N, C-alpha and C. Protein backbone atom coordinates (compact mmCIF):
# COMPACT_ATOMS: atom_id res chain seq x y z
N MET A 1 -33.43 1.07 -26.63
CA MET A 1 -32.03 1.38 -26.89
C MET A 1 -31.44 2.19 -25.74
N LYS A 2 -32.24 3.08 -25.15
CA LYS A 2 -31.76 3.88 -24.02
C LYS A 2 -31.37 2.97 -22.86
N THR A 3 -32.18 1.97 -22.61
CA THR A 3 -31.90 1.05 -21.49
C THR A 3 -30.60 0.32 -21.73
N PHE A 4 -30.37 -0.17 -22.94
CA PHE A 4 -29.13 -0.87 -23.25
C PHE A 4 -27.93 0.05 -23.07
N SER A 5 -28.01 1.27 -23.56
CA SER A 5 -26.91 2.23 -23.42
C SER A 5 -26.64 2.53 -21.96
N SER A 6 -27.69 2.70 -21.19
CA SER A 6 -27.53 2.97 -19.75
C SER A 6 -26.86 1.80 -19.05
N LEU A 7 -27.27 0.57 -19.37
CA LEU A 7 -26.66 -0.61 -18.77
C LEU A 7 -25.20 -0.75 -19.17
N LEU A 8 -24.89 -0.44 -20.41
CA LEU A 8 -23.51 -0.52 -20.88
C LEU A 8 -22.63 0.49 -20.14
N ILE A 9 -23.09 1.70 -19.99
CA ILE A 9 -22.34 2.74 -19.26
C ILE A 9 -22.18 2.34 -17.80
N LEU A 10 -23.24 1.86 -17.17
CA LEU A 10 -23.18 1.47 -15.77
C LEU A 10 -22.20 0.31 -15.56
N SER A 11 -22.23 -0.68 -16.45
CA SER A 11 -21.30 -1.81 -16.29
C SER A 11 -19.86 -1.38 -16.49
N THR A 12 -19.62 -0.44 -17.40
CA THR A 12 -18.27 0.08 -17.62
C THR A 12 -17.78 0.82 -16.38
N VAL A 13 -18.61 1.65 -15.78
CA VAL A 13 -18.24 2.39 -14.58
C VAL A 13 -17.94 1.42 -13.44
N LEU A 14 -18.77 0.40 -13.26
CA LEU A 14 -18.55 -0.57 -12.19
C LEU A 14 -17.27 -1.36 -12.41
N THR A 15 -16.97 -1.71 -13.65
CA THR A 15 -15.75 -2.45 -13.95
C THR A 15 -14.53 -1.59 -13.65
N VAL A 16 -14.52 -0.35 -14.07
CA VAL A 16 -13.40 0.56 -13.81
C VAL A 16 -13.23 0.77 -12.31
N THR A 17 -14.32 0.94 -11.57
CA THR A 17 -14.26 1.13 -10.13
C THR A 17 -13.70 -0.11 -9.45
N ALA A 18 -14.14 -1.28 -9.85
CA ALA A 18 -13.64 -2.52 -9.25
C ALA A 18 -12.16 -2.70 -9.54
N PHE A 19 -11.72 -2.40 -10.76
CA PHE A 19 -10.31 -2.53 -11.11
C PHE A 19 -9.47 -1.55 -10.31
N ALA A 20 -9.95 -0.33 -10.12
CA ALA A 20 -9.21 0.68 -9.38
C ALA A 20 -8.97 0.26 -7.94
N ALA A 21 -9.88 -0.50 -7.37
CA ALA A 21 -9.73 -0.94 -5.99
C ALA A 21 -8.65 -2.01 -5.86
N ASP A 22 -8.30 -2.70 -6.96
CA ASP A 22 -7.31 -3.77 -6.92
C ASP A 22 -5.87 -3.26 -6.97
N THR A 23 -5.65 -2.04 -7.42
CA THR A 23 -4.30 -1.49 -7.53
C THR A 23 -4.30 -0.07 -7.00
N GLY A 24 -3.13 0.38 -6.61
CA GLY A 24 -3.03 1.75 -6.15
C GLY A 24 -1.58 2.15 -5.99
N SER A 25 -1.40 3.43 -5.77
CA SER A 25 -0.06 3.95 -5.54
C SER A 25 -0.16 5.24 -4.75
N GLY A 26 0.93 5.59 -4.15
CA GLY A 26 1.02 6.82 -3.39
C GLY A 26 2.46 7.05 -2.97
N LYS A 27 2.68 8.13 -2.26
CA LYS A 27 4.02 8.47 -1.78
C LYS A 27 3.95 8.70 -0.28
N ILE A 28 5.02 8.26 0.41
CA ILE A 28 5.12 8.49 1.84
C ILE A 28 6.52 9.02 2.16
N HIS A 29 6.64 9.63 3.31
CA HIS A 29 7.94 10.04 3.83
C HIS A 29 8.13 9.39 5.18
N LEU A 30 9.24 8.67 5.33
CA LEU A 30 9.59 8.09 6.62
C LEU A 30 10.58 9.03 7.30
N PHE A 31 10.25 9.47 8.49
CA PHE A 31 11.11 10.39 9.22
C PHE A 31 12.22 9.67 9.97
N ASP A 32 12.04 8.37 10.22
CA ASP A 32 13.02 7.55 10.93
C ASP A 32 13.19 6.24 10.19
N THR A 33 14.28 5.54 10.48
CA THR A 33 14.48 4.19 9.97
C THR A 33 13.43 3.28 10.59
N VAL A 34 12.81 2.43 9.75
CA VAL A 34 11.81 1.47 10.24
C VAL A 34 12.14 0.10 9.66
N LYS A 35 11.57 -0.92 10.25
CA LYS A 35 11.75 -2.28 9.76
C LYS A 35 10.43 -2.82 9.22
N ILE A 36 10.55 -3.60 8.16
CA ILE A 36 9.46 -4.44 7.67
C ILE A 36 10.05 -5.84 7.62
N GLY A 37 9.55 -6.73 8.46
CA GLY A 37 10.19 -8.05 8.56
C GLY A 37 11.61 -7.86 9.05
N SER A 38 12.57 -8.41 8.31
CA SER A 38 13.97 -8.26 8.70
C SER A 38 14.67 -7.15 7.91
N THR A 39 13.92 -6.44 7.08
CA THR A 39 14.48 -5.40 6.23
C THR A 39 14.37 -4.04 6.90
N GLU A 40 15.48 -3.30 6.93
CA GLU A 40 15.46 -1.93 7.44
C GLU A 40 15.29 -0.96 6.28
N LEU A 41 14.35 -0.03 6.45
CA LEU A 41 14.14 1.02 5.46
C LEU A 41 14.64 2.32 6.05
N PRO A 42 15.63 2.96 5.43
CA PRO A 42 16.12 4.23 5.96
C PRO A 42 15.10 5.35 5.78
N ALA A 43 15.24 6.38 6.58
CA ALA A 43 14.35 7.55 6.46
C ALA A 43 14.44 8.09 5.04
N GLY A 44 13.34 8.67 4.57
CA GLY A 44 13.33 9.26 3.24
C GLY A 44 11.99 9.12 2.56
N ASP A 45 11.97 9.49 1.29
CA ASP A 45 10.75 9.44 0.48
C ASP A 45 10.66 8.11 -0.24
N TYR A 46 9.44 7.56 -0.30
CA TYR A 46 9.19 6.27 -0.93
C TYR A 46 7.96 6.37 -1.83
N LYS A 47 8.03 5.67 -2.95
CA LYS A 47 6.84 5.46 -3.78
C LYS A 47 6.30 4.09 -3.37
N VAL A 48 5.00 4.03 -3.08
CA VAL A 48 4.35 2.81 -2.65
C VAL A 48 3.33 2.41 -3.71
N THR A 49 3.39 1.15 -4.15
CA THR A 49 2.38 0.62 -5.06
C THR A 49 1.87 -0.69 -4.48
N TRP A 50 0.62 -1.00 -4.79
CA TRP A 50 0.06 -2.27 -4.35
C TRP A 50 -0.89 -2.81 -5.38
N SER A 51 -1.02 -4.14 -5.37
CA SER A 51 -1.98 -4.81 -6.25
C SER A 51 -2.63 -5.92 -5.45
N GLY A 52 -3.91 -6.07 -5.67
CA GLY A 52 -4.68 -7.07 -4.95
C GLY A 52 -5.56 -6.42 -3.90
N THR A 53 -6.42 -7.24 -3.31
CA THR A 53 -7.32 -6.76 -2.27
C THR A 53 -7.29 -7.73 -1.11
N GLY A 54 -8.00 -7.39 -0.04
CA GLY A 54 -8.11 -8.30 1.09
C GLY A 54 -6.81 -8.43 1.86
N ASP A 55 -6.53 -9.66 2.30
CA ASP A 55 -5.40 -9.90 3.20
C ASP A 55 -4.07 -10.13 2.50
N ASN A 56 -4.06 -10.30 1.20
CA ASN A 56 -2.83 -10.72 0.53
C ASN A 56 -2.39 -9.79 -0.60
N ALA A 57 -2.53 -8.50 -0.44
CA ALA A 57 -2.08 -7.58 -1.48
C ALA A 57 -0.56 -7.53 -1.51
N GLN A 58 0.00 -7.44 -2.69
CA GLN A 58 1.45 -7.31 -2.84
C GLN A 58 1.80 -5.82 -2.82
N VAL A 59 2.70 -5.44 -1.91
CA VAL A 59 3.07 -4.05 -1.72
C VAL A 59 4.54 -3.87 -2.06
N THR A 60 4.83 -2.82 -2.82
CA THR A 60 6.21 -2.48 -3.18
C THR A 60 6.52 -1.08 -2.69
N LEU A 61 7.64 -0.94 -1.98
CA LEU A 61 8.14 0.36 -1.54
C LEU A 61 9.45 0.61 -2.28
N LYS A 62 9.52 1.73 -2.99
CA LYS A 62 10.70 2.01 -3.82
C LYS A 62 11.30 3.35 -3.41
N GLN A 63 12.62 3.31 -3.16
CA GLN A 63 13.39 4.51 -2.87
C GLN A 63 14.61 4.46 -3.77
N GLY A 64 14.61 5.28 -4.83
CA GLY A 64 15.70 5.21 -5.80
C GLY A 64 15.72 3.84 -6.45
N LYS A 65 16.88 3.17 -6.39
CA LYS A 65 17.00 1.82 -6.97
C LYS A 65 16.63 0.74 -5.97
N ASN A 66 16.42 1.10 -4.72
CA ASN A 66 16.10 0.12 -3.68
C ASN A 66 14.61 -0.20 -3.68
N VAL A 67 14.30 -1.48 -3.78
CA VAL A 67 12.91 -1.93 -3.85
C VAL A 67 12.68 -2.97 -2.75
N THR A 68 11.65 -2.77 -1.95
CA THR A 68 11.27 -3.73 -0.92
C THR A 68 9.85 -4.17 -1.19
N GLU A 69 9.61 -5.49 -1.14
CA GLU A 69 8.28 -6.04 -1.37
C GLU A 69 7.81 -6.79 -0.14
N THR A 70 6.52 -6.65 0.14
CA THR A 70 5.90 -7.33 1.28
C THR A 70 4.43 -7.55 0.96
N THR A 71 3.69 -8.09 1.91
CA THR A 71 2.24 -8.25 1.74
C THR A 71 1.52 -7.42 2.79
N ALA A 72 0.28 -7.08 2.49
CA ALA A 72 -0.52 -6.26 3.40
C ALA A 72 -2.00 -6.56 3.22
N GLN A 73 -2.75 -6.22 4.24
CA GLN A 73 -4.20 -6.26 4.15
C GLN A 73 -4.65 -4.88 3.68
N VAL A 74 -5.50 -4.82 2.68
CA VAL A 74 -5.99 -3.56 2.13
C VAL A 74 -7.35 -3.26 2.76
N ILE A 75 -7.45 -2.10 3.38
CA ILE A 75 -8.71 -1.67 4.00
C ILE A 75 -9.11 -0.34 3.39
N GLN A 76 -10.34 -0.25 2.90
CA GLN A 76 -10.86 1.01 2.39
C GLN A 76 -11.32 1.83 3.59
N GLN A 77 -10.67 2.97 3.81
CA GLN A 77 -10.94 3.78 4.98
C GLN A 77 -10.60 5.23 4.65
N HIS A 78 -11.50 6.15 4.93
CA HIS A 78 -11.27 7.56 4.62
C HIS A 78 -10.49 8.22 5.76
N ARG A 79 -9.45 8.96 5.40
CA ARG A 79 -8.64 9.72 6.35
C ARG A 79 -8.42 11.12 5.79
N LYS A 80 -8.12 12.05 6.66
CA LYS A 80 -7.85 13.41 6.21
C LYS A 80 -6.46 13.56 5.62
N ASN A 81 -5.48 12.77 6.10
CA ASN A 81 -4.10 12.91 5.67
C ASN A 81 -3.46 11.54 5.46
N ASP A 82 -2.39 11.53 4.67
CA ASP A 82 -1.58 10.34 4.51
C ASP A 82 -0.65 10.23 5.72
N GLY A 83 -0.21 9.01 6.02
CA GLY A 83 0.71 8.83 7.13
C GLY A 83 1.13 7.38 7.26
N VAL A 84 1.89 7.11 8.31
CA VAL A 84 2.31 5.75 8.63
C VAL A 84 2.09 5.51 10.11
N ALA A 85 1.98 4.24 10.47
CA ALA A 85 1.89 3.85 11.88
C ALA A 85 3.03 2.87 12.15
N THR A 86 3.65 3.01 13.31
CA THR A 86 4.74 2.14 13.70
C THR A 86 4.53 1.66 15.13
N LYS A 87 5.30 0.64 15.50
CA LYS A 87 5.31 0.19 16.89
C LYS A 87 6.75 -0.15 17.25
N ASP A 88 7.06 -0.07 18.53
CA ASP A 88 8.39 -0.46 19.01
C ASP A 88 8.37 -1.95 19.31
N GLU A 89 9.35 -2.65 18.76
CA GLU A 89 9.43 -4.09 18.95
C GLU A 89 10.90 -4.48 19.09
N ASN A 90 11.27 -4.97 20.26
CA ASN A 90 12.65 -5.39 20.52
C ASN A 90 13.66 -4.29 20.21
N GLY A 91 13.34 -3.07 20.58
CA GLY A 91 14.25 -1.95 20.39
C GLY A 91 14.29 -1.37 18.99
N ALA A 92 13.43 -1.84 18.10
CA ALA A 92 13.38 -1.32 16.72
C ALA A 92 12.00 -0.77 16.44
N ARG A 93 11.94 0.20 15.56
CA ARG A 93 10.66 0.74 15.11
C ARG A 93 10.20 -0.06 13.91
N VAL A 94 9.00 -0.66 14.00
CA VAL A 94 8.47 -1.55 12.97
C VAL A 94 7.28 -0.86 12.29
N LEU A 95 7.29 -0.83 10.96
CA LEU A 95 6.20 -0.25 10.19
C LEU A 95 5.01 -1.19 10.23
N THR A 96 3.86 -0.71 10.70
CA THR A 96 2.66 -1.55 10.80
C THR A 96 1.57 -1.16 9.81
N GLU A 97 1.49 0.12 9.43
CA GLU A 97 0.47 0.58 8.49
C GLU A 97 1.01 1.71 7.62
N ILE A 98 0.54 1.73 6.38
CA ILE A 98 0.72 2.86 5.49
C ILE A 98 -0.68 3.38 5.21
N GLN A 99 -0.90 4.65 5.54
CA GLN A 99 -2.25 5.20 5.49
C GLN A 99 -2.35 6.28 4.41
N PHE A 100 -3.18 6.00 3.41
CA PHE A 100 -3.50 6.98 2.39
C PHE A 100 -4.92 7.48 2.63
N ARG A 101 -5.32 8.50 1.93
CA ARG A 101 -6.62 9.14 2.20
C ARG A 101 -7.81 8.21 2.08
N GLU A 102 -7.76 7.24 1.18
CA GLU A 102 -8.89 6.33 0.99
C GLU A 102 -8.56 4.87 1.28
N THR A 103 -7.28 4.57 1.47
CA THR A 103 -6.84 3.19 1.63
C THR A 103 -5.80 3.09 2.73
N THR A 104 -5.92 2.07 3.57
CA THR A 104 -4.91 1.76 4.56
C THR A 104 -4.33 0.38 4.25
N LEU A 105 -3.01 0.30 4.25
CA LEU A 105 -2.30 -0.96 4.03
C LEU A 105 -1.77 -1.42 5.38
N VAL A 106 -2.32 -2.51 5.91
CA VAL A 106 -1.87 -3.08 7.17
C VAL A 106 -0.80 -4.11 6.83
N ILE A 107 0.44 -3.79 7.17
CA ILE A 107 1.58 -4.65 6.82
C ILE A 107 1.47 -5.97 7.56
N GLN A 108 1.60 -7.06 6.82
CA GLN A 108 1.53 -8.40 7.40
C GLN A 108 2.92 -8.81 7.88
N PRO A 109 2.99 -9.43 9.06
CA PRO A 109 4.31 -9.91 9.51
C PRO A 109 4.79 -11.03 8.61
N GLY A 110 6.07 -11.11 8.44
CA GLY A 110 6.60 -12.18 7.61
C GLY A 110 7.77 -11.70 6.79
N PRO A 111 8.22 -12.53 5.88
CA PRO A 111 9.42 -12.20 5.10
C PRO A 111 9.17 -11.08 4.11
N THR A 112 10.24 -10.38 3.81
CA THR A 112 10.21 -9.33 2.79
C THR A 112 11.30 -9.64 1.76
N GLU A 113 11.17 -9.05 0.61
CA GLU A 113 12.20 -9.18 -0.42
C GLU A 113 12.73 -7.80 -0.72
N THR A 114 14.05 -7.70 -0.83
CA THR A 114 14.69 -6.42 -1.11
C THR A 114 15.65 -6.60 -2.28
N SER A 115 15.65 -5.63 -3.18
CA SER A 115 16.59 -5.67 -4.29
C SER A 115 17.16 -4.28 -4.53
N GLY A 116 18.26 -4.23 -5.27
CA GLY A 116 18.84 -2.95 -5.64
C GLY A 116 19.83 -2.39 -4.65
N ARG A 117 20.10 -3.09 -3.59
CA ARG A 117 21.02 -2.54 -2.58
C ARG A 117 22.43 -2.98 -2.83
C-alpha cells in the first residue's frame, strides 16, 4: 500500500509540474515604445500571459483594455531579474524577448493581433 501511495503522490506532482510549464504569467515594464510585428506598444506596465511550450506558445500582453497577442518560443532559463530584450530595426525598437526569472519568451516574427484600442 505504501508503494501505491508513493506512486500516486509522485504522479500527481509530475502532472502538476508538467501543467505549470505549459502556462505562465508575469508583469513587465516597458520604458520605451516597442514594436511586435506591426503593432506598437507604448511604454508602461503590462501583464504577460502565455500558454503552450516550445516554438508556438500563445503570448498575450495586456495594458488596461489594450490586448496584443503574438507567438513565442518558450525557453526554461534561470535569471536573477525580469527584463526585456530589444533590437533596432529600420529605425524602430523591436521587442525580441521577455525574460522572467525561470522562463524566457523569444518573440517570433510575424503578425500580431491587437484589440481594445
